[in-house]
Protein backbone atom coordinates (compact mmCIF):
# COMPACT_ATOMS: atom_id res chain seq x y z
CA MET A 1 70.73 112.26 113.04
CA ARG A 2 74.19 111.66 114.44
CA LEU A 3 74.91 111.96 118.17
CA VAL A 4 78.41 112.13 119.62
CA LEU A 5 78.09 111.25 123.30
CA PRO A 6 80.63 110.57 126.04
CA GLY A 7 82.29 107.18 125.99
CA LYS A 8 83.84 107.86 129.39
CA ALA A 9 82.52 109.43 132.57
CA ASP A 10 83.75 110.32 136.02
CA SER A 11 80.70 108.60 137.55
CA GLU A 12 79.78 105.05 136.57
CA LEU A 13 76.26 105.52 137.94
CA VAL A 14 75.65 108.58 135.73
CA PHE A 15 77.32 106.91 132.75
CA ASN A 16 75.07 103.84 132.99
CA ALA A 17 71.96 105.97 133.53
CA GLU A 18 72.83 108.00 130.41
CA ARG A 19 73.35 104.89 128.29
CA SER A 20 69.92 103.58 129.32
CA TYR A 21 68.42 106.32 127.11
CA TYR A 22 70.31 105.32 123.92
CA ASP A 23 67.63 102.90 122.68
CA GLN A 24 65.13 105.61 121.81
CA PRO A 25 67.32 107.57 119.37
CA LEU A 26 68.81 104.35 117.97
CA ASN A 27 65.33 102.95 117.31
CA ALA A 28 64.42 106.22 115.58
CA GLY A 29 67.35 105.80 113.16
CA ALA A 30 70.02 107.92 114.86
CA ILE A 31 73.64 106.84 114.85
CA VAL A 32 75.30 107.17 118.26
CA PHE A 33 79.05 107.62 118.55
CA ALA A 34 80.85 107.17 121.87
CA HIS A 35 83.76 109.61 122.19
CA GLN A 36 86.63 107.76 123.89
CA ARG A 37 89.63 110.13 123.87
CA ALA A 38 88.67 112.42 126.73
CA LEU A 39 85.94 113.21 129.21
CA MET A 40 83.34 115.15 127.23
CA HIS A 41 81.42 117.96 128.93
CA GLU A 42 80.57 120.42 126.18
CA LYS A 43 77.13 120.62 124.68
CA THR A 44 77.23 121.35 120.94
CA ALA A 45 74.68 120.97 118.19
CA VAL A 46 74.21 121.79 114.53
CA ILE A 47 70.66 121.74 113.19
CA ASP A 48 70.02 121.84 109.45
CA GLY A 49 73.53 123.26 108.95
CA VAL A 50 72.26 126.72 109.97
CA TRP A 51 71.56 126.80 113.74
CA SER A 52 74.57 125.99 115.92
CA THR A 53 75.09 126.08 119.66
CA VAL A 54 78.21 125.68 121.79
CA GLY A 55 78.31 125.78 125.57
CA SER A 56 78.07 123.97 128.86
CA THR A 57 74.37 124.24 129.71
CA ASN A 58 72.35 121.08 130.24
CA LEU A 59 68.82 121.43 128.91
CA ASP A 60 66.85 121.44 132.15
CA CYS A 61 65.12 124.12 134.23
CA ARG A 62 67.54 123.86 137.15
CA ARG A 63 70.52 124.73 134.94
CA PHE A 64 68.77 127.66 133.31
CA LEU A 65 67.43 129.13 136.56
CA HIS A 66 70.16 128.46 139.14
CA ASN A 67 73.50 127.76 137.48
CA HIS A 68 75.77 130.26 135.82
CA GLU A 69 76.24 128.41 132.55
CA VAL A 70 75.95 129.77 129.06
CA ASN A 71 75.56 128.66 125.46
CA ALA A 72 76.30 130.69 122.35
CA VAL A 73 73.85 130.34 119.48
CA ILE A 74 75.22 131.14 116.03
CA LEU A 75 73.05 131.39 112.92
CA GLY A 76 74.55 130.83 109.48
CA THR A 77 75.76 128.15 107.14
CA GLU A 78 79.45 129.12 107.27
CA PHE A 79 79.71 128.45 111.00
CA GLY A 80 77.38 125.45 110.72
CA ASP A 81 79.65 123.88 108.11
CA ARG A 82 82.70 124.44 110.32
CA MET A 83 80.92 122.94 113.35
CA ARG A 84 79.81 119.90 111.35
CA ALA A 85 83.37 119.37 110.04
CA SER A 86 84.74 119.68 113.57
CA LEU A 87 82.30 117.10 114.94
CA CYS A 88 82.96 114.72 112.04
CA ALA A 89 86.72 115.04 112.59
CA LEU A 90 86.32 113.25 115.93
CA GLY A 91 86.40 110.00 113.94
CA ASP A 92 83.57 107.65 113.14
CA ARG A 93 84.36 103.98 113.57
CA PRO A 94 81.87 101.21 114.21
CA ALA A 95 82.19 99.90 117.74
CA GLY A 96 80.15 96.78 117.42
CA THR A 97 76.50 96.09 118.07
CA GLY A 98 73.30 98.09 118.19
CA GLY A 99 74.41 100.85 115.84
CA LEU A 100 76.72 102.27 118.52
CA ALA A 101 79.93 103.54 117.00
CA SER A 102 83.12 104.86 118.56
CA ALA A 103 84.62 108.28 117.97
CA SER A 104 88.18 107.70 119.12
């Protein structure tokens, strides 16, 4: 599993809280990349190269019930391949310790 997560945030408190959860996926073998070029708000995923989602919705009940956010879900390998290529094009460079890498 590869995760591309924000390397910058507009709130230091939120940024540090988010980073406190990195140990679990890292310990499970995931590689975490910190995107440095811009503030990252989109939520995208590609699962098994077939199921893709793009949008702004956080995965919690409050967002689904009360906010007007939306995600598109696209099934198919053609789109999945394009999404994977787009995410990989962010750049994957080791950033130092703990398996954390930098997408800059």
